[in-house]
């Protein structure tokens, strides 16, 4: 693999649960650009004399989940499963506000893995109900500082399976 490029979604996991198929072309890194304040001086009219950094750039990926089996619905929307493990017959939406936060990993086809230590998923059922397309869950991943104060996300070589 050429480690000079990052491309393609291979696997997305929330904790240990693999999230299903992501709609082609729907993944967007989103987020915000870095913020700064320029300090100007009367004696220097053509450029700032100092730039003070205020905030690092952030990512906030959005994507559409299109593999809507009951386990995937629970993983991104919360709620409860109906039936028994391996033979679920339904899913019930959450009856109260829930916080689906934790570790996320995204394996790239290019051979790297992004690890997000503290991601919160915001999701809703969306798309259209027709015979020419599938319904989807529209998702946004909000990335917060980890409890231990470490890096909010990192990218490393994907570990070899063994």
Foldseek 3Di string as FASTA:
>chain_A
DDPVDFAAFDWKDQVNDTAADWPPPFKDFDWAAWDWDFACDPVDPPGGPDIGTDGHTHTKIKTKRQPDDQVNCCLQQNFDFDDDPPDTDGTDGDPDDDWNWAWMWTATPVFKIKIFGIKTKDWDWDDDDDPPDTTIIIIIIDFDQHPVRDDRMDMDGDDDDD
